Amino acid sequence: MAQKAIEEVIMFQLDQAVKATRQYSQKEMDKMGLGVTVEQWVLLKIVHEKQPLTQRELAHESYRDPASITRTLDLLEKKGLILREAVEENKRSYHIGLTKTGTSFIDKNMELIHALRQKSTDGLNEEELKELSRMLKTIKENMT
């Protein structure tokens, strides 16, 4: 079987699409003066949807290592967007939730984020988006 050029490998194409989307989104978020990174936004949005949750749960939901998100959470806490409260049963664990400022930040900027997401799928109709979603879920399931 002949080897494909790297540009023809689906997973390489997927990785490049994700990177391009993140770079574009970050540039636009910086232009708008949001003051957060794409990664910070993702963590805030997960907390917004599932709070309260522990750092371990947040790491699981975001597919990140618990230790690697500690610094990001520190920054979000300094910005006044999240708070950590000790879990009663386990003093080494914290529940992470949004502050009022964090909730307001999400609500205020959701329309912009939606527009950025929409830009990434311009040119795809509803049926194509459903099929793409199905395929991405299949890839994820294959790898877990």
C-alpha atoms as a PDB file:
ATOM      1  CA  MET A   1       0.000   0.000   0.000  1.00  0.00           C
ATOM      2  CA  ALA A   2       1.409   3.405  -0.995  1.00  0.00           C
ATOM      3  CA  GLN A   3       1.965   5.880   1.783  1.00  0.00           C
ATOM      4  CA  LYS A   4      -0.056   9.065   1.704  1.00  0.00           C
ATOM      5  CA  ALA A   5       1.576  12.468   1.810  1.00  0.00           C
ATOM      6  CA  ILE A   6       1.098  13.985   5.267  1.00  0.00           C
ATOM      7  CA  GLU A   7      -1.313  16.593   3.830  1.00  0.00           C
ATOM      8  CA  GLU A   8      -3.609  13.760   2.738  1.00  0.00           C
ATOM      9  CA  VAL A   9      -3.790  12.089   6.170  1.00  0.00           C
ATOM     10  CA  ILE A  10      -7.185  12.796   7.709  1.00  0.00           C
ATOM     11  CA  MET A  11      -5.878  13.149  11.268  1.00  0.00           C
ATOM     12  CA  PHE A  12      -3.238  15.646  10.079  1.00  0.00           C
ATOM     13  CA  GLN A  13      -5.969  17.612   8.305  1.00  0.00           C
ATOM     14  CA  LEU A  14      -8.100  17.533  11.435  1.00  0.00           C
ATOM     15  CA  ASP A  15      -5.196  18.723  13.585  1.00  0.00           C
ATOM     16  CA  GLN A  16      -4.456  21.551  11.143  1.00  0.00           C
ATOM     17  CA  ALA A  17      -8.130  22.590  11.099  1.00  0.00           C
ATOM     18  CA  VAL A  18      -8.236  22.702  14.906  1.00  0.00           C
ATOM     19  CA  LYS A  19      -5.021  24.730  15.074  1.00  0.00           C
ATOM     20  CA  ALA A  20      -6.237  27.188  12.428  1.00  0.00           C
ATOM     21  CA  THR A  21      -9.529  27.587  14.279  1.00  0.00           C
ATOM     22  CA  ARG A  22      -7.770  28.237  17.591  1.00  0.00           C
ATOM     23  CA  GLN A  23      -5.353  30.735  16.045  1.00  0.00           C
ATOM     24  CA  TYR A  24      -8.137  32.629  14.283  1.00  0.00           C
ATOM     25  CA  SER A  25     -10.334  32.603  17.392  1.00  0.00           C
ATOM     26  CA  GLN A  26      -7.499  33.819  19.612  1.00  0.00           C
ATOM     27  CA  LYS A  27      -6.681  36.645  17.212  1.00  0.00           C
ATOM     28  CA  GLU A  28     -10.326  37.743  17.167  1.00  0.00           C
ATOM     29  CA  MET A  29     -10.690  37.409  20.947  1.00  0.00           C
ATOM     30  CA  ASP A  30      -7.575  39.567  21.374  1.00  0.00           C
ATOM     31  CA  LYS A  31      -8.964  42.184  18.955  1.00  0.00           C
ATOM     32  CA  MET A  32     -12.140  42.338  21.037  1.00  0.00           C
ATOM     33  CA  GLY A  33     -10.125  42.724  24.229  1.00  0.00           C
ATOM     34  CA  LEU A  34     -11.632  39.694  25.977  1.00  0.00           C
ATOM     35  CA  GLY A  35      -8.501  39.174  28.057  1.00  0.00           C
ATOM     36  CA  VAL A  36      -8.697  35.374  28.002  1.00  0.00           C
ATOM     37  CA  THR A  37      -7.194  32.662  25.853  1.00  0.00           C
ATOM     38  CA  VAL A  38      -9.174  30.089  23.914  1.00  0.00           C
ATOM     39  CA  GLU A  39      -8.132  27.477  26.506  1.00  0.00           C
ATOM     40  CA  GLN A  40      -9.311  29.716  29.352  1.00  0.00           C
ATOM     41  CA  TRP A  41     -12.639  30.263  27.595  1.00  0.00           C
ATOM     42  CA  VAL A  42     -13.123  26.515  27.147  1.00  0.00           C
ATOM     43  CA  LEU A  43     -12.537  25.889  30.858  1.00  0.00           C
ATOM     44  CA  LEU A  44     -14.867  28.749  31.815  1.00  0.00           C
ATOM     45  CA  LYS A  45     -17.586  27.404  29.530  1.00  0.00           C
ATOM     46  CA  ILE A  46     -17.294  23.893  30.953  1.00  0.00           C
ATOM     47  CA  VAL A  47     -17.494  25.262  34.502  1.00  0.00           C
ATOM     48  CA  HIS A  48     -20.479  27.402  33.459  1.00  0.00           C
ATOM     49  CA  GLU A  49     -22.314  24.334  32.171  1.00  0.00           C
ATOM     50  CA  LYS A  50     -21.361  21.805  34.856  1.00  0.00           C
ATOM     51  CA  GLN A  51     -20.497  23.683  38.053  1.00  0.00           C
ATOM     52  CA  PRO A  52     -19.565  22.899  40.669  1.00  0.00           C
ATOM     53  CA  LEU A  53     -16.943  20.386  39.662  1.00  0.00           C
ATOM     54  CA  THR A  54     -13.524  19.398  40.912  1.00  0.00           C
ATOM     55  CA  GLN A  55     -10.285  20.087  39.077  1.00  0.00           C
ATOM     56  CA  ARG A  56     -10.051  16.390  38.227  1.00  0.00           C
ATOM     57  CA  GLU A  57     -13.576  16.447  36.758  1.00  0.00           C
ATOM     58  CA  LEU A  58     -12.756  19.625  34.822  1.00  0.00           C
ATOM     59  CA  ALA A  59      -9.597  17.987  33.463  1.00  0.00           C
ATOM     60  CA  HIS A  60     -11.636  14.968  32.370  1.00  0.00           C
ATOM     61  CA  GLU A  61     -14.293  17.129  30.689  1.00  0.00           C
ATOM     62  CA  SER A  62     -11.679  19.234  28.871  1.00  0.00           C
ATOM     63  CA  TYR A  63      -9.348  16.338  27.986  1.00  0.00           C
ATOM     64  CA  ARG A  64      -6.487  17.994  29.832  1.00  0.00           C
ATOM     65  CA  ASP A  65      -4.162  16.794  32.549  1.00  0.00           C
ATOM     66  CA  PRO A  66      -5.242  17.971  36.045  1.00  0.00           C
ATOM     67  CA  ALA A  67      -1.789  19.369  36.759  1.00  0.00           C
ATOM     68  CA  SER A  68      -1.671  21.253  33.462  1.00  0.00           C
ATOM     69  CA  ILE A  69      -4.850  23.210  34.159  1.00  0.00           C
ATOM     70  CA  THR A  70      -3.735  24.364  37.607  1.00  0.00           C
ATOM     71  CA  ARG A  71      -1.923  27.387  36.175  1.00  0.00           C
ATOM     72  CA  THR A  72      -4.887  28.268  33.967  1.00  0.00           C
ATOM     73  CA  LEU A  73      -7.229  28.076  36.953  1.00  0.00           C
ATOM     74  CA  ASP A  74      -4.834  30.253  38.965  1.00  0.00           C
ATOM     75  CA  LEU A  75      -5.036  32.913  36.230  1.00  0.00           C
ATOM     76  CA  LEU A  76      -8.823  32.700  36.023  1.00  0.00           C
ATOM     77  CA  GLU A  77      -9.061  33.024  39.803  1.00  0.00           C
ATOM     78  CA  LYS A  78      -6.797  36.112  39.749  1.00  0.00           C
ATOM     79  CA  LYS A  79      -9.063  37.616  37.093  1.00  0.00           C
ATOM     80  CA  GLY A  80     -12.013  37.075  39.433  1.00  0.00           C
ATOM     81  CA  LEU A  81     -13.813  34.730  37.037  1.00  0.00           C
ATOM     82  CA  ILE A  82     -13.745  31.511  39.079  1.00  0.00           C
ATOM     83  CA  LEU A  83     -13.607  30.534  42.709  1.00  0.00           C
ATOM     84  CA  ARG A  84     -12.403  27.417  44.439  1.00  0.00           C
ATOM     85  CA  GLU A  85     -14.090  26.053  47.521  1.00  0.00           C
ATOM     86  CA  ALA A  86     -12.675  23.174  49.545  1.00  0.00           C
ATOM     87  CA  VAL A  87     -14.608  19.927  49.254  1.00  0.00           C
ATOM     88  CA  GLU A  88     -15.779  19.024  52.765  1.00  0.00           C
ATOM     89  CA  GLU A  89     -14.981  15.322  52.448  1.00  0.00           C
ATOM     90  CA  ASN A  90     -11.548  15.955  50.918  1.00  0.00           C
ATOM     91  CA  LYS A  91      -9.676  19.088  51.970  1.00  0.00           C
ATOM     92  CA  ARG A  92      -7.110  18.558  49.186  1.00  0.00           C
ATOM     93  CA  SER A  93      -9.823  18.853  46.538  1.00  0.00           C
ATOM     94  CA  TYR A  94     -11.718  21.966  45.462  1.00  0.00           C
ATOM     95  CA  HIS A  95     -15.029  22.602  43.783  1.00  0.00           C
ATOM     96  CA  ILE A  96     -14.619  25.087  40.970  1.00  0.00           C
ATOM     97  CA  GLY A  97     -17.421  27.494  40.153  1.00  0.00           C
ATOM     98  CA  LEU A  98     -17.907  30.794  38.396  1.00  0.00           C
ATOM     99  CA  THR A  99     -18.085  34.047  40.268  1.00  0.00           C
ATOM    100  CA  LYS A 100     -20.847  36.512  39.392  1.00  0.00           C
ATOM    101  CA  THR A 101     -18.228  38.272  37.274  1.00  0.00           C
ATOM    102  CA  GLY A 102     -17.427  34.973  35.542  1.00  0.00           C
ATOM    103  CA  THR A 103     -21.077  34.246  34.790  1.00  0.00           C
ATOM    104  CA  SER A 104     -21.548  37.774  33.465  1.00  0.00           C
ATOM    105  CA  PHE A 105     -18.397  37.395  31.337  1.00  0.00           C
ATOM    106  CA  ILE A 106     -19.731  34.209  29.729  1.00  0.00           C
ATOM    107  CA  ASP A 107     -23.170  35.712  29.112  1.00  0.00           C
ATOM    108  CA  LYS A 108     -21.727  38.946  27.693  1.00  0.00           C
ATOM    109  CA  ASN A 109     -19.342  37.222  25.270  1.00  0.00           C
ATOM    110  CA  MET A 110     -21.331  34.166  24.187  1.00  0.00           C
ATOM    111  CA  GLU A 111     -22.582  35.887  21.030  1.00  0.00           C
ATOM    112  CA  LEU A 112     -19.008  36.658  19.915  1.00  0.00           C
ATOM    113  CA  ILE A 113     -17.889  33.092  20.593  1.00  0.00           C
ATOM    114  CA  HIS A 114     -20.894  31.772  18.696  1.00  0.00           C
ATOM    115  CA  ALA A 115     -19.909  33.949  15.696  1.00  0.00           C
ATOM    116  CA  LEU A 116     -16.355  32.570  15.824  1.00  0.00           C
ATOM    117  CA  ARG A 117     -17.689  29.016  15.900  1.00  0.00           C
ATOM    118  CA  GLN A 118     -20.031  29.808  13.024  1.00  0.00           C
ATOM    119  CA  LYS A 119     -17.133  31.133  10.919  1.00  0.00           C
ATOM    120  CA  SER A 120     -15.368  27.790  11.218  1.00  0.00           C
ATOM    121  CA  THR A 121     -18.330  25.973   9.661  1.00  0.00           C
ATOM    122  CA  ASP A 122     -19.277  28.508   6.977  1.00  0.00           C
ATOM    123  CA  GLY A 123     -20.101  26.704   3.759  1.00  0.00           C
ATOM    124  CA  LEU A 124     -21.408  23.588   5.499  1.00  0.00           C
ATOM    125  CA  ASN A 125     -25.154  22.959   5.529  1.00  0.00           C
ATOM    126  CA  GLU A 126     -27.091  21.410   8.433  1.00  0.00           C
ATOM    127  CA  GLU A 127     -26.871  17.883   7.037  1.00  0.00           C
ATOM    128  CA  GLU A 128     -23.107  18.182   6.499  1.00  0.00           C
ATOM    129  CA  LEU A 129     -22.664  19.493  10.041  1.00  0.00           C
ATOM    130  CA  LYS A 130     -24.637  16.566  11.472  1.00  0.00           C
ATOM    131  CA  GLU A 131     -22.537  14.117   9.454  1.00  0.00           C
ATOM    132  CA  LEU A 132     -19.300  15.819  10.509  1.00  0.00           C
ATOM    133  CA  SER A 133     -20.408  15.660  14.144  1.00  0.00           C
ATOM    134  CA  ARG A 134     -21.210  11.963  13.772  1.00  0.00           C
ATOM    135  CA  MET A 135     -17.820  11.267  12.209  1.00  0.00           C
ATOM    136  CA  LEU A 136     -15.917  13.195  14.878  1.00  0.00           C
ATOM    137  CA  LYS A 137     -17.780  11.307  17.611  1.00  0.00           C
ATOM    138  CA  THR A 138     -16.847   8.034  15.910  1.00  0.00           C
ATOM    139  CA  ILE A 139     -13.167   9.024  15.805  1.00  0.00           C
ATOM    140  CA  LYS A 140     -13.295   9.952  19.491  1.00  0.00           C
ATOM    141  CA  GLU A 141     -14.973   6.654  20.413  1.00  0.00           C
ATOM    142  CA  ASN A 142     -12.391   4.730  18.387  1.00  0.00           C
ATOM    143  CA  MET A 143      -9.636   6.320  20.439  1.00  0.00           C
ATOM    144  CA  THR A 144     -11.122   5.905  23.913  1.00  0.00           C
END
